[in-house]
Amino acid sequence: MIGTHFRIAGVVALAATLLAGTAAAQEFTARIGHLESPQQARHQGLEMVADLVKERTKGAVEFTIYPAGQLGQAREMNEGVQLGVIEGTVSPAAFLAGFNPAVSILDVPFLYPADRKKASELRDGPFGDAVLDSFEPLGFKAVAIWPNGRKSFTSNKPMESVDAFDGQRFRVMDSQVLMAQFNAVGASAVPLPFGELYTALQTGVVDGQENALDTIATMKYNEVQKNLLVSGHGANEDVVLFNPAWWNSLPAEYQTIIVEAFDDVSPKVEAIKEASQDKALKTLKDAGMNVRELTDEERQTMREKMYPKAREAYLAQAGDAGKTIVDAYEAEYQKVTGEK
C-alpha cells in the first residue's frame, strides 16, 4: 500500500511539472513518453509520426516526444496514461504484463514467422487487433504494435542442435511463458534482473541468455559469452498507448489519421531496428564470438517443442482474454503461413 501511495504521489508531481511547462496549446496536444534514447528506432519513429500527424491534421494535433525516461520509468508512464497525467506512451510489451497479462502472448517463442512480411500481416491483422482490444477494459486506448527487434540466444556452452539446450541454465525475465519456453527443451530458466545479467554470465550463475543482437553488443555480453545462435525466436514488440479520455476528445477523422500514421511508420521503424541488428551482428563476429544461424529445419523443431508449452503457460495466466487472443492468432497464423 505504501508503494502505491509513492507511485501516485510521483504521478501527481509529474502532472504538476508538465502543466507548469505547457505552452500555448494547439487544438489537441499530446505528450508521449518512452524509455529509449533519441538515437534509437522507437524515438526516430515517433518523430516521424509526429510530423505526419501535424501535417495531415493541418497543425490541429501536435505530439511532443519525451525520450529516455524523461517522464518517468515504464510503470510511472503507464500509470500516468491511465490517469490522464500524460496523453501517451510507447512501452515494451514485456513491461506491460503487470497491467495486462493478456499481452504476454508476445513473449511466446516463434510467435511470428521468420519472413518479416508475413509477420507484419499477423501484427496488423485480427490477431494484432485482439491484443490491442485487450487493453481497453484496463484504462488504455492501444492503437498500434510496433516491431522492436527479435531475440537470439547466447551461451558459454555449445548450441549446435536443439538437444544441446538440455541441462543448460538461461537467464529470463520473470515470466512464466519464458520459463516454459526453456523448460520445453530441457533447459532451466533462472529469473534475474537485467542489471545482474553480465555478472551472472561472468560467474557462471547462468550459462546463457536471450536478447536482441544490439542489446547483446551494447551490453558487451561477448566478453563473457562464447557462442551466439542467431535465432530470431522471440519478438520484442512495443505497444502504443493513449489515455482514453484524450483519445475520445478527438474527432474521428483525427483518430484515423493518428492510427494510419503509426501504421505507415511501422515498416520504417523495423528497417531502422534491423540495420542496428545487422551492425551489432558484425560487431559480435568481429569480437570473436562463435556465430551460427538457426536453420529452417531447426526453427520448425524448436517451435514444435516450445510453442505448446509456452501457450499453455500463457493461457494459465491470461484467462478468457488470452483464449480470445490465442484463437485469433492460431487462425491467422495458419492463414498467413499455411502451417498450424
C-alpha atoms as a PDB file:
ATOM      1  CA  MET A   1       0.000   0.000   0.000  1.00  0.00           C
ATOM      2  CA  ILE A   2       2.878   2.359   0.817  1.00  0.00           C
ATOM      3  CA  GLY A   3       4.424   1.644  -2.595  1.00  0.00           C
ATOM      4  CA  THR A   4       1.117   2.547  -4.248  1.00  0.00           C
ATOM      5  CA  HIS A   5       0.989   5.889  -2.378  1.00  0.00           C
ATOM      6  CA  PHE A   6       4.527   6.698  -3.508  1.00  0.00           C
ATOM      7  CA  ARG A   7       3.695   5.884  -7.138  1.00  0.00           C
ATOM      8  CA  ILE A   8       0.547   8.025  -7.069  1.00  0.00           C
ATOM      9  CA  ALA A   9       2.485  10.860  -5.451  1.00  0.00           C
ATOM     10  CA  GLY A  10       5.063  10.580  -8.215  1.00  0.00           C
ATOM     11  CA  VAL A  11       2.369  10.743 -10.863  1.00  0.00           C
ATOM     12  CA  VAL A  12       0.794  13.819  -9.230  1.00  0.00           C
ATOM     13  CA  ALA A  13       4.197  15.539  -9.073  1.00  0.00           C
ATOM     14  CA  LEU A  14       4.728  14.720 -12.742  1.00  0.00           C
ATOM     15  CA  ALA A  15       1.348  16.258 -13.575  1.00  0.00           C
ATOM     16  CA  ALA A  16       2.243  19.497 -11.819  1.00  0.00           C
ATOM     17  CA  THR A  17       5.562  19.704 -13.640  1.00  0.00           C
ATOM     18  CA  LEU A  18       4.022  19.101 -17.038  1.00  0.00           C
ATOM     19  CA  LEU A  19       1.165  21.547 -16.525  1.00  0.00           C
ATOM     20  CA  ALA A  20       3.559  24.240 -15.380  1.00  0.00           C
ATOM     21  CA  GLY A  21       5.600  23.812 -18.564  1.00  0.00           C
ATOM     22  CA  THR A  22       2.738  23.654 -21.070  1.00  0.00           C
ATOM     23  CA  ALA A  23       2.970  26.310 -23.740  1.00  0.00           C
ATOM     24  CA  ALA A  24       0.139  27.785 -25.750  1.00  0.00           C
ATOM     25  CA  ALA A  25      -1.855  24.758 -26.841  1.00  0.00           C
ATOM     26  CA  GLN A  26      -2.735  23.613 -30.319  1.00  0.00           C
ATOM     27  CA  GLU A  27      -6.268  22.385 -30.845  1.00  0.00           C
ATOM     28  CA  PHE A  28      -5.141  18.994 -29.500  1.00  0.00           C
ATOM     29  CA  THR A  29      -1.751  18.241 -27.960  1.00  0.00           C
ATOM     30  CA  ALA A  30      -0.275  15.026 -26.646  1.00  0.00           C
ATOM     31  CA  ARG A  31       2.842  14.378 -24.595  1.00  0.00           C
ATOM     32  CA  ILE A  32       4.253  10.959 -25.412  1.00  0.00           C
ATOM     33  CA  GLY A  33       6.972   9.440 -23.228  1.00  0.00           C
ATOM     34  CA  HIS A  34       9.217   6.446 -23.773  1.00  0.00           C
ATOM     35  CA  LEU A  35      12.457   4.903 -22.468  1.00  0.00           C
ATOM     36  CA  GLU A  36      14.782   4.741 -25.482  1.00  0.00           C
ATOM     37  CA  SER A  37      17.386   7.333 -26.450  1.00  0.00           C
ATOM     38  CA  PRO A  38      16.815   9.811 -29.312  1.00  0.00           C
ATOM     39  CA  GLN A  39      19.245   7.765 -31.439  1.00  0.00           C
ATOM     40  CA  GLN A  40      17.146   4.586 -31.295  1.00  0.00           C
ATOM     41  CA  ALA A  41      14.408   3.324 -33.592  1.00  0.00           C
ATOM     42  CA  ARG A  42      11.461   3.990 -31.298  1.00  0.00           C
ATOM     43  CA  HIS A  43      12.228   7.688 -30.910  1.00  0.00           C
ATOM     44  CA  GLN A  44      13.027   8.199 -34.579  1.00  0.00           C
ATOM     45  CA  GLY A  45       9.727   6.572 -35.469  1.00  0.00           C
ATOM     46  CA  LEU A  46       7.781   8.724 -33.034  1.00  0.00           C
ATOM     47  CA  GLU A  47       9.302  11.875 -34.525  1.00  0.00           C
ATOM     48  CA  MET A  48       8.156  10.704 -37.968  1.00  0.00           C
ATOM     49  CA  VAL A  49       4.646  10.053 -36.639  1.00  0.00           C
ATOM     50  CA  ALA A  50       4.527  13.487 -35.018  1.00  0.00           C
ATOM     51  CA  ASP A  51       5.456  15.137 -38.324  1.00  0.00           C
ATOM     52  CA  LEU A  52       2.849  13.146 -40.257  1.00  0.00           C
ATOM     53  CA  VAL A  53       0.078  13.837 -37.739  1.00  0.00           C
ATOM     54  CA  LYS A  54       0.832  17.560 -37.686  1.00  0.00           C
ATOM     55  CA  GLU A  55       0.885  17.701 -41.488  1.00  0.00           C
ATOM     56  CA  ARG A  56      -2.238  15.603 -42.061  1.00  0.00           C
ATOM     57  CA  THR A  57      -4.304  17.464 -39.437  1.00  0.00           C
ATOM     58  CA  LYS A  58      -3.003  20.819 -40.719  1.00  0.00           C
ATOM     59  CA  GLY A  59      -1.490  21.540 -37.322  1.00  0.00           C
ATOM     60  CA  ALA A  60      -4.597  20.734 -35.278  1.00  0.00           C
ATOM     61  CA  VAL A  61      -2.930  17.797 -33.495  1.00  0.00           C
ATOM     62  CA  GLU A  62       0.607  18.106 -32.196  1.00  0.00           C
ATOM     63  CA  PHE A  63       2.743  15.497 -30.421  1.00  0.00           C
ATOM     64  CA  THR A  64       5.681  16.320 -28.165  1.00  0.00           C
ATOM     65  CA  ILE A  65       8.008  13.365 -27.679  1.00  0.00           C
ATOM     66  CA  TYR A  66       9.904  12.829 -24.406  1.00  0.00           C
ATOM     67  CA  PRO A  67      12.636  10.153 -24.779  1.00  0.00           C
ATOM     68  CA  ALA A  68      14.982   8.450 -22.328  1.00  0.00           C
ATOM     69  CA  GLY A  69      12.590   8.228 -19.375  1.00  0.00           C
ATOM     70  CA  GLN A  70      12.151  11.998 -19.037  1.00  0.00           C
ATOM     71  CA  LEU A  71       8.568  11.429 -17.881  1.00  0.00           C
ATOM     72  CA  GLY A  72       9.464   8.547 -15.557  1.00  0.00           C
ATOM     73  CA  GLN A  73      10.131   4.844 -15.750  1.00  0.00           C
ATOM     74  CA  ALA A  74       7.821   2.488 -17.623  1.00  0.00           C
ATOM     75  CA  ARG A  75       5.412   1.908 -14.739  1.00  0.00           C
ATOM     76  CA  GLU A  76       5.115   5.628 -13.979  1.00  0.00           C
ATOM     77  CA  MET A  77       4.390   6.467 -17.602  1.00  0.00           C
ATOM     78  CA  ASN A  78       1.846   3.656 -17.944  1.00  0.00           C
ATOM     79  CA  GLU A  79       0.050   4.804 -14.797  1.00  0.00           C
ATOM     80  CA  GLY A  80       0.291   8.389 -15.996  1.00  0.00           C
ATOM     81  CA  VAL A  81      -1.518   7.447 -19.208  1.00  0.00           C
ATOM     82  CA  GLN A  82      -4.223   5.608 -17.251  1.00  0.00           C
ATOM     83  CA  LEU A  83      -4.777   8.639 -15.008  1.00  0.00           C
ATOM     84  CA  GLY A  84      -4.573  11.198 -17.807  1.00  0.00           C
ATOM     85  CA  VAL A  85      -1.426  12.862 -16.458  1.00  0.00           C
ATOM     86  CA  ILE A  86       0.193  12.313 -19.841  1.00  0.00           C
ATOM     87  CA  GLU A  87      -1.574  11.539 -23.069  1.00  0.00           C
ATOM     88  CA  GLY A  88       0.528   8.712 -24.438  1.00  0.00           C
ATOM     89  CA  THR A  89       3.443   6.323 -24.108  1.00  0.00           C
ATOM     90  CA  VAL A  90       5.157   3.677 -26.201  1.00  0.00           C
ATOM     91  CA  SER A  91       6.079   0.794 -23.943  1.00  0.00           C
ATOM     92  CA  PRO A  92       7.782  -2.569 -24.495  1.00  0.00           C
ATOM     93  CA  ALA A  93       5.150  -5.281 -24.233  1.00  0.00           C
ATOM     94  CA  ALA A  94       7.329  -7.068 -21.666  1.00  0.00           C
ATOM     95  CA  PHE A  95       6.797  -4.117 -19.286  1.00  0.00           C
ATOM     96  CA  LEU A  96       3.012  -4.221 -19.626  1.00  0.00           C
ATOM     97  CA  ALA A  97       2.188  -7.705 -18.340  1.00  0.00           C
ATOM     98  CA  GLY A  98       1.616  -6.329 -14.822  1.00  0.00           C
ATOM     99  CA  PHE A  99      -1.167  -4.152 -16.216  1.00  0.00           C
ATOM    100  CA  ASN A 100      -2.447  -6.620 -18.792  1.00  0.00           C
ATOM    101  CA  PRO A 101      -1.492 -10.329 -18.552  1.00  0.00           C
ATOM    102  CA  ALA A 102      -3.035 -10.918 -21.982  1.00  0.00           C
ATOM    103  CA  VAL A 103      -0.205  -9.009 -23.680  1.00  0.00           C
ATOM    104  CA  SER A 104       2.220 -11.764 -22.618  1.00  0.00           C
ATOM    105  CA  ILE A 105       1.209 -13.594 -25.799  1.00  0.00           C
ATOM    106  CA  LEU A 106       4.043 -11.540 -27.311  1.00  0.00           C
ATOM    107  CA  ASP A 107       6.511 -13.451 -25.079  1.00  0.00           C
ATOM    108  CA  VAL A 108       5.610 -16.748 -26.761  1.00  0.00           C
ATOM    109  CA  PRO A 109       8.598 -18.078 -28.763  1.00  0.00           C
ATOM    110  CA  PHE A 110       8.371 -18.342 -32.544  1.00  0.00           C
ATOM    111  CA  LEU A 111       5.139 -16.372 -32.449  1.00  0.00           C
ATOM    112  CA  TYR A 112       5.973 -14.774 -35.794  1.00  0.00           C
ATOM    113  CA  PRO A 113       7.261 -16.497 -38.925  1.00  0.00           C
ATOM    114  CA  ALA A 114      10.814 -15.685 -39.979  1.00  0.00           C
ATOM    115  CA  ASP A 115       9.507 -13.806 -43.021  1.00  0.00           C
ATOM    116  CA  ARG A 116       9.074 -10.169 -41.964  1.00  0.00           C
ATOM    117  CA  LYS A 117       6.248  -9.504 -44.417  1.00  0.00           C
ATOM    118  CA  LYS A 118       4.207 -12.411 -43.057  1.00  0.00           C
ATOM    119  CA  ALA A 119       4.971 -11.270 -39.514  1.00  0.00           C
ATOM    120  CA  SER A 120       3.581  -7.823 -40.383  1.00  0.00           C
ATOM    121  CA  GLU A 121       0.401  -9.433 -41.700  1.00  0.00           C
ATOM    122  CA  LEU A 122      -0.080 -11.117 -38.325  1.00  0.00           C
ATOM    123  CA  ARG A 123       0.737  -7.965 -36.368  1.00  0.00           C
ATOM    124  CA  ASP A 124      -1.567  -5.785 -38.454  1.00  0.00           C
ATOM    125  CA  GLY A 125      -4.470  -8.225 -38.762  1.00  0.00           C
ATOM    126  CA  PRO A 126      -7.143  -9.705 -36.443  1.00  0.00           C
ATOM    127  CA  PHE A 127      -4.505 -11.098 -34.075  1.00  0.00           C
ATOM    128  CA  GLY A 128      -2.924  -7.687 -33.515  1.00  0.00           C
ATOM    129  CA  ASP A 129      -6.360  -6.128 -33.140  1.00  0.00           C
ATOM    130  CA  ALA A 130      -7.243  -8.676 -30.431  1.00  0.00           C
ATOM    131  CA  VAL A 131      -4.078  -7.773 -28.485  1.00  0.00           C
ATOM    132  CA  LEU A 132      -4.856  -4.047 -28.760  1.00  0.00           C
ATOM    133  CA  ASP A 133      -8.505  -4.564 -27.723  1.00  0.00           C
ATOM    134  CA  SER A 134      -7.386  -6.340 -24.529  1.00  0.00           C
ATOM    135  CA  PHE A 135      -6.118  -3.002 -23.152  1.00  0.00           C
ATOM    136  CA  GLU A 136      -9.456  -1.197 -23.345  1.00  0.00           C
ATOM    137  CA  PRO A 137     -11.010  -2.529 -20.097  1.00  0.00           C
ATOM    138  CA  LEU A 138      -7.816  -1.529 -18.247  1.00  0.00           C
ATOM    139  CA  GLY A 139      -7.926   2.201 -18.953  1.00  0.00           C
ATOM    140  CA  PHE A 140      -5.831   2.405 -22.129  1.00  0.00           C
ATOM    141  CA  LYS A 141      -6.515   3.084 -25.785  1.00  0.00           C
ATOM    142  CA  ALA A 142      -3.975   0.915 -27.613  1.00  0.00           C
ATOM    143  CA  VAL A 143      -3.577   1.932 -31.252  1.00  0.00           C
ATOM    144  CA  ALA A 144      -0.554   0.066 -32.639  1.00  0.00           C
ATOM    145  CA  ILE A 145       2.026  -2.661 -32.115  1.00  0.00           C
ATOM    146  CA  TRP A 146       5.490  -1.762 -33.365  1.00  0.00           C
ATOM    147  CA  PRO A 147       8.320  -4.246 -34.058  1.00  0.00           C
ATOM    148  CA  ASN A 148      11.456  -3.601 -31.997  1.00  0.00           C
ATOM    149  CA  GLY A 149      13.787  -6.436 -32.988  1.00  0.00           C
ATOM    150  CA  ARG A 150      13.964 -10.145 -32.296  1.00  0.00           C
ATOM    151  CA  LYS A 151      15.836 -12.106 -29.667  1.00  0.00           C
ATOM    152  CA  SER A 152      18.726 -14.532 -30.133  1.00  0.00           C
ATOM    153  CA  PHE A 153      20.467 -16.955 -27.767  1.00  0.00           C
ATOM    154  CA  THR A 154      23.986 -16.754 -26.347  1.00  0.00           C
ATOM    155  CA  SER A 155      25.749 -19.336 -24.166  1.00  0.00           C
ATOM    156  CA  ASN A 156      29.160 -20.449 -22.954  1.00  0.00           C
ATOM    157  CA  LYS A 157      28.141 -23.981 -23.868  1.00  0.00           C
ATOM    158  CA  PRO A 158      27.617 -25.274 -27.413  1.00  0.00           C
ATOM    159  CA  MET A 159      24.284 -24.663 -29.160  1.00  0.00           C
ATOM    160  CA  GLU A 160      24.905 -26.849 -32.186  1.00  0.00           C
ATOM    161  CA  SER A 161      21.492 -28.509 -32.007  1.00  0.00           C
ATOM    162  CA  VAL A 162      18.187 -28.289 -30.169  1.00  0.00           C
ATOM    163  CA  ASP A 163      19.357 -31.148 -27.939  1.00  0.00           C
ATOM    164  CA  ALA A 164      22.313 -29.016 -26.783  1.00  0.00           C
ATOM    165  CA  PHE A 165      19.929 -26.819 -24.748  1.00  0.00           C
ATOM    166  CA  ASP A 166      19.229 -29.745 -22.420  1.00  0.00           C
ATOM    167  CA  GLY A 167      20.729 -29.098 -18.973  1.00  0.00           C
ATOM    168  CA  GLN A 168      21.777 -25.510 -19.636  1.00  0.00           C
ATOM    169  CA  ARG A 169      20.735 -22.590 -17.427  1.00  0.00           C
ATOM    170  CA  PHE A 170      19.362 -19.472 -19.134  1.00  0.00           C
ATOM    171  CA  ARG A 171      18.516 -16.140 -17.593  1.00  0.00           C
ATOM    172  CA  VAL A 172      14.960 -14.921 -18.231  1.00  0.00           C
ATOM    173  CA  MET A 173      12.766 -12.041 -17.187  1.00  0.00           C
ATOM    174  CA  ASP A 174      10.272 -13.033 -14.504  1.00  0.00           C
ATOM    175  CA  SER A 175       7.808 -14.569 -16.970  1.00  0.00           C
ATOM    176  CA  GLN A 176       6.060 -17.921 -16.729  1.00  0.00           C
ATOM    177  CA  VAL A 177       5.858 -18.004 -20.521  1.00  0.00           C
ATOM    178  CA  LEU A 178       9.636 -17.628 -20.906  1.00  0.00           C
ATOM    179  CA  MET A 179      10.291 -20.214 -18.206  1.00  0.00           C
ATOM    180  CA  ALA A 180       8.079 -22.665 -20.085  1.00  0.00           C
ATOM    181  CA  GLN A 181       9.957 -21.851 -23.298  1.00  0.00           C
ATOM    182  CA  PHE A 182      13.256 -23.099 -21.877  1.00  0.00           C
ATOM    183  CA  ASN A 183      11.804 -25.973 -19.869  1.00  0.00           C
ATOM    184  CA  ALA A 184      10.324 -27.322 -23.113  1.00  0.00           C
ATOM    185  CA  VAL A 185      13.844 -28.045 -24.432  1.00  0.00           C
ATOM    186  CA  GLY A 186      15.239 -29.347 -21.139  1.00  0.00           C
ATOM    187  CA  ALA A 187      16.907 -26.115 -20.068  1.00  0.00           C
ATOM    188  CA  SER A 188      16.482 -24.372 -16.723  1.00  0.00           C
ATOM    189  CA  ALA A 189      15.115 -20.820 -16.665  1.00  0.00           C
ATOM    190  CA  VAL A 190      16.560 -18.539 -13.988  1.00  0.00           C
ATOM    191  CA  PRO A 191      14.707 -15.240 -13.418  1.00  0.00           C
ATOM    192  CA  LEU A 192      17.217 -12.432 -12.824  1.00  0.00           C
ATOM    193  CA  PRO A 193      17.077  -8.630 -13.054  1.00  0.00           C
ATOM    194  CA  PHE A 194      18.637  -7.288 -16.250  1.00  0.00           C
ATOM    195  CA  GLY A 195      21.224  -5.322 -14.283  1.00  0.00           C
ATOM    196  CA  GLU A 196      22.606  -8.541 -12.748  1.00  0.00           C
ATOM    197  CA  LEU A 197      22.923 -10.434 -16.033  1.00  0.00           C
ATOM    198  CA  TYR A 198      26.522  -9.586 -17.007  1.00  0.00           C
ATOM    199  CA  THR A 199      27.872 -10.683 -13.628  1.00  0.00           C
ATOM    200  CA  ALA A 200      25.693 -13.816 -13.645  1.00  0.00           C
ATOM    201  CA  LEU A 201      27.161 -14.790 -17.030  1.00  0.00           C
ATOM    202  CA  GLN A 202      30.676 -13.946 -15.884  1.00  0.00           C
ATOM    203  CA  THR A 203      30.462 -16.026 -12.720  1.00  0.00           C
ATOM    204  CA  GLY A 204      28.584 -18.958 -14.255  1.00  0.00           C
ATOM    205  CA  VAL A 205      25.364 -18.483 -12.295  1.00  0.00           C
ATOM    206  CA  VAL A 206      23.735 -18.955 -15.688  1.00  0.00           C
ATOM    207  CA  ASP A 207      25.154 -20.432 -18.884  1.00  0.00           C
ATOM    208  CA  GLY A 208      23.340 -18.169 -21.303  1.00  0.00           C
ATOM    209  CA  GLN A 209      20.668 -15.617 -22.054  1.00  0.00           C
ATOM    210  CA  GLU A 210      18.362 -14.243 -24.762  1.00  0.00           C
ATOM    211  CA  ASN A 211      18.256 -10.686 -26.084  1.00  0.00           C
ATOM    212  CA  ALA A 212      18.219  -8.695 -29.296  1.00  0.00           C
ATOM    213  CA  LEU A 213      21.573  -8.549 -31.081  1.00  0.00           C
ATOM    214  CA  ASP A 214      22.038  -4.825 -30.478  1.00  0.00           C
ATOM    215  CA  THR A 215      21.438  -5.342 -26.752  1.00  0.00           C
ATOM    216  CA  ILE A 216      23.977  -8.186 -26.692  1.00  0.00           C
ATOM    217  CA  ALA A 217      26.560  -5.954 -28.385  1.00  0.00           C
ATOM    218  CA  THR A 218      25.792  -2.826 -26.333  1.00  0.00           C
ATOM    219  CA  MET A 219      25.991  -4.749 -23.044  1.00  0.00           C
ATOM    220  CA  LYS A 220      29.228  -6.457 -24.220  1.00  0.00           C
ATOM    221  CA  TYR A 221      27.958  -9.934 -23.393  1.00  0.00           C
ATOM    222  CA  ASN A 222      30.506 -11.153 -25.941  1.00  0.00           C
ATOM    223  CA  GLU A 223      33.103 -10.557 -23.190  1.00  0.00           C
ATOM    224  CA  VAL A 224      31.503 -13.285 -21.073  1.00  0.00           C
ATOM    225  CA  GLN A 225      29.828 -15.492 -23.719  1.00  0.00           C
ATOM    226  CA  LYS A 226      31.419 -17.670 -26.382  1.00  0.00           C
ATOM    227  CA  ASN A 227      28.510 -18.752 -28.588  1.00  0.00           C
ATOM    228  CA  LEU A 228      25.764 -16.863 -30.404  1.00  0.00           C
ATOM    229  CA  LEU A 229      22.804 -18.586 -32.047  1.00  0.00           C
ATOM    230  CA  VAL A 230      21.017 -16.092 -34.307  1.00  0.00           C
ATOM    231  CA  SER A 231      17.524 -17.467 -33.872  1.00  0.00           C
ATOM    232  CA  GLY A 232      15.024 -14.602 -34.042  1.00  0.00           C
ATOM    233  CA  HIS A 233      12.856 -16.771 -31.809  1.00  0.00           C
ATOM    234  CA  GLY A 234      11.385 -14.057 -29.609  1.00  0.00           C
ATOM    235  CA  ALA A 235       9.668 -10.865 -30.686  1.00  0.00           C
ATOM    236  CA  ASN A 236      10.464  -7.594 -28.945  1.00  0.00           C
ATOM    237  CA  GLU A 237       7.290  -5.585 -29.522  1.00  0.00           C
ATOM    238  CA  ASP A 238       6.235  -2.084 -28.494  1.00  0.00           C
ATOM    239  CA  VAL A 239       2.633  -1.103 -27.736  1.00  0.00           C
ATOM    240  CA  VAL A 240       1.426   2.443 -28.433  1.00  0.00           C
ATOM    241  CA  LEU A 241      -0.956   3.584 -25.678  1.00  0.00           C
ATOM    242  CA  PHE A 242      -3.093   6.699 -25.270  1.00  0.00           C
ATOM    243  CA  ASN A 243      -5.305   7.982 -22.475  1.00  0.00           C
ATOM    244  CA  PRO A 244      -8.902   7.064 -23.441  1.00  0.00           C
ATOM    245  CA  ALA A 245     -10.415  10.393 -22.383  1.00  0.00           C
ATOM    246  CA  TRP A 246      -7.919  12.314 -24.511  1.00  0.00           C
ATOM    247  CA  TRP A 247      -8.424   9.917 -27.410  1.00  0.00           C
ATOM    248  CA  ASN A 248     -12.220  10.204 -27.221  1.00  0.00           C
ATOM    249  CA  SER A 249     -11.955  14.001 -27.277  1.00  0.00           C
ATOM    250  CA  LEU A 250     -10.533  13.798 -30.808  1.00  0.00           C
ATOM    251  CA  PRO A 251     -12.774  13.948 -33.884  1.00  0.00           C
ATOM    252  CA  ALA A 252     -12.988  10.554 -35.589  1.00  0.00           C
ATOM    253  CA  GLU A 253     -11.083  11.970 -38.560  1.00  0.00           C
ATOM    254  CA  TYR A 254      -8.073  12.771 -36.371  1.00  0.00           C
ATOM    255  CA  GLN A 255      -8.197   9.366 -34.681  1.00  0.00           C
ATOM    256  CA  THR A 256      -7.991   7.735 -38.116  1.00  0.00           C
ATOM    257  CA  ILE A 257      -5.082   9.970 -39.124  1.00  0.00           C
ATOM    258  CA  ILE A 258      -3.137   9.042 -35.979  1.00  0.00           C
ATOM    259  CA  VAL A 259      -3.678   5.293 -36.392  1.00  0.00           C
ATOM    260  CA  GLU A 260      -2.697   5.473 -40.059  1.00  0.00           C
ATOM    261  CA  ALA A 261       0.436   7.469 -39.209  1.00  0.00           C
ATOM    262  CA  PHE A 262       1.605   4.797 -36.763  1.00  0.00           C
ATOM    263  CA  ASP A 263       0.850   2.098 -39.346  1.00  0.00           C
ATOM    264  CA  ASP A 264       2.693   3.989 -42.094  1.00  0.00           C
ATOM    265  CA  VAL A 265       5.807   4.495 -39.973  1.00  0.00           C
ATOM    266  CA  SER A 266       5.967   0.939 -38.602  1.00  0.00           C
ATOM    267  CA  PRO A 267       7.976  -0.505 -41.553  1.00  0.00           C
ATOM    268  CA  LYS A 268      10.458   2.358 -41.251  1.00  0.00           C
ATOM    269  CA  VAL A 269      10.930   1.653 -37.544  1.00  0.00           C
ATOM    270  CA  GLU A 270      11.528  -2.011 -38.328  1.00  0.00           C
ATOM    271  CA  ALA A 271      14.079  -1.078 -41.019  1.00  0.00           C
ATOM    272  CA  ILE A 272      15.988   1.144 -38.577  1.00  0.00           C
ATOM    273  CA  LYS A 273      15.976  -1.638 -35.984  1.00  0.00           C
ATOM    274  CA  GLU A 274      17.088  -4.269 -38.495  1.00  0.00           C
ATOM    275  CA  ALA A 275      20.002  -2.058 -39.598  1.00  0.00           C
ATOM    276  CA  SER A 276      21.006  -1.807 -35.944  1.00  0.00           C
ATOM    277  CA  GLN A 277      20.804  -5.605 -35.650  1.00  0.00           C
ATOM    278  CA  ASP A 278      22.993  -6.108 -38.720  1.00  0.00           C
ATOM    279  CA  LYS A 279      25.606  -3.704 -37.363  1.00  0.00           C
ATOM    280  CA  ALA A 280      25.546  -5.472 -33.979  1.00  0.00           C
ATOM    281  CA  LEU A 281      25.977  -8.887 -35.599  1.00  0.00           C
ATOM    282  CA  LYS A 282      29.104  -7.682 -37.394  1.00  0.00           C
ATOM    283  CA  THR A 283      30.436  -6.275 -34.123  1.00  0.00           C
ATOM    284  CA  LEU A 284      29.889  -9.602 -32.351  1.00  0.00           C
ATOM    285  CA  LYS A 285      31.525 -11.585 -35.169  1.00  0.00           C
ATOM    286  CA  ASP A 286      34.498  -9.211 -35.164  1.00  0.00           C
ATOM    287  CA  ALA A 287      34.749  -9.671 -31.389  1.00  0.00           C
ATOM    288  CA  GLY A 288      35.363 -13.386 -31.944  1.00  0.00           C
ATOM    289  CA  MET A 289      32.055 -14.956 -30.953  1.00  0.00           C
ATOM    290  CA  ASN A 290      31.204 -18.332 -32.455  1.00  0.00           C
ATOM    291  CA  VAL A 291      28.176 -17.309 -34.526  1.00  0.00           C
ATOM    292  CA  ARG A 292      25.672 -19.713 -36.035  1.00  0.00           C
ATOM    293  CA  GLU A 293      22.264 -19.068 -37.611  1.00  0.00           C
ATOM    294  CA  LEU A 294      19.271 -21.257 -36.867  1.00  0.00           C
ATOM    295  CA  THR A 295      18.296 -23.355 -39.890  1.00  0.00           C
ATOM    296  CA  ASP A 296      14.703 -23.531 -41.144  1.00  0.00           C
ATOM    297  CA  GLU A 297      14.516 -27.164 -40.013  1.00  0.00           C
ATOM    298  CA  GLU A 298      15.794 -26.313 -36.536  1.00  0.00           C
ATOM    299  CA  ARG A 299      13.383 -23.412 -36.323  1.00  0.00           C
ATOM    300  CA  GLN A 300      10.461 -25.719 -37.040  1.00  0.00           C
ATOM    301  CA  THR A 301      11.698 -28.285 -34.491  1.00  0.00           C
ATOM    302  CA  MET A 302      12.122 -25.646 -31.787  1.00  0.00           C
ATOM    303  CA  ARG A 303       8.703 -24.155 -32.480  1.00  0.00           C
ATOM    304  CA  GLU A 304       7.112 -27.595 -32.201  1.00  0.00           C
ATOM    305  CA  LYS A 305       8.758 -28.094 -28.804  1.00  0.00           C
ATOM    306  CA  MET A 306       8.480 -24.589 -27.334  1.00  0.00           C
ATOM    307  CA  TYR A 307       5.201 -23.181 -28.614  1.00  0.00           C
ATOM    308  CA  PRO A 308       2.770 -25.661 -26.966  1.00  0.00           C
ATOM    309  CA  LYS A 309       4.363 -25.342 -23.505  1.00  0.00           C
ATOM    310  CA  ALA A 310       4.604 -21.546 -23.717  1.00  0.00           C
ATOM    311  CA  ARG A 311       1.000 -21.386 -24.979  1.00  0.00           C
ATOM    312  CA  GLU A 312      -0.139 -23.469 -22.005  1.00  0.00           C
ATOM    313  CA  ALA A 313       1.675 -21.192 -19.546  1.00  0.00           C
ATOM    314  CA  TYR A 314       0.212 -18.117 -21.235  1.00  0.00           C
ATOM    315  CA  LEU A 315      -3.366 -19.375 -21.082  1.00  0.00           C
ATOM    316  CA  ALA A 316      -2.951 -20.255 -17.397  1.00  0.00           C
ATOM    317  CA  GLN A 317      -2.281 -16.608 -16.561  1.00  0.00           C
ATOM    318  CA  ALA A 318      -4.321 -14.752 -19.200  1.00  0.00           C
ATOM    319  CA  GLY A 319      -7.694 -16.482 -18.801  1.00  0.00           C
ATOM    320  CA  ASP A 320     -10.587 -15.775 -21.167  1.00  0.00           C
ATOM    321  CA  ALA A 321      -8.923 -12.725 -22.690  1.00  0.00           C
ATOM    322  CA  GLY A 322      -5.907 -14.879 -23.507  1.00  0.00           C
ATOM    323  CA  LYS A 323      -8.070 -17.580 -25.079  1.00  0.00           C
ATOM    324  CA  THR A 324      -9.639 -14.997 -27.391  1.00  0.00           C
ATOM    325  CA  ILE A 325      -6.186 -13.811 -28.470  1.00  0.00           C
ATOM    326  CA  VAL A 326      -4.790 -17.333 -28.972  1.00  0.00           C
ATOM    327  CA  ASP A 327      -7.785 -18.306 -31.099  1.00  0.00           C
ATOM    328  CA  ALA A 328      -7.314 -15.210 -33.264  1.00  0.00           C
ATOM    329  CA  TYR A 329      -3.582 -15.869 -33.510  1.00  0.00           C
ATOM    330  CA  GLU A 330      -3.791 -19.530 -34.484  1.00  0.00           C
ATOM    331  CA  ALA A 331      -6.446 -18.922 -37.123  1.00  0.00           C
ATOM    332  CA  GLU A 332      -4.449 -16.057 -38.606  1.00  0.00           C
ATOM    333  CA  TYR A 333      -1.090 -17.873 -38.371  1.00  0.00           C
ATOM    334  CA  GLN A 334      -2.479 -20.776 -40.398  1.00  0.00           C
ATOM    335  CA  LYS A 335      -3.944 -18.360 -42.938  1.00  0.00           C
ATOM    336  CA  VAL A 336      -0.704 -16.373 -43.326  1.00  0.00           C
ATOM    337  CA  THR A 337       1.784 -19.247 -43.285  1.00  0.00           C
ATOM    338  CA  GLY A 338      -0.230 -22.296 -44.346  1.00  0.00           C
ATOM    339  CA  GLU A 339       1.017 -24.021 -41.172  1.00  0.00           C
ATOM    340  CA  LYS A 340      -0.635 -24.930 -37.876  1.00  0.00           C
END
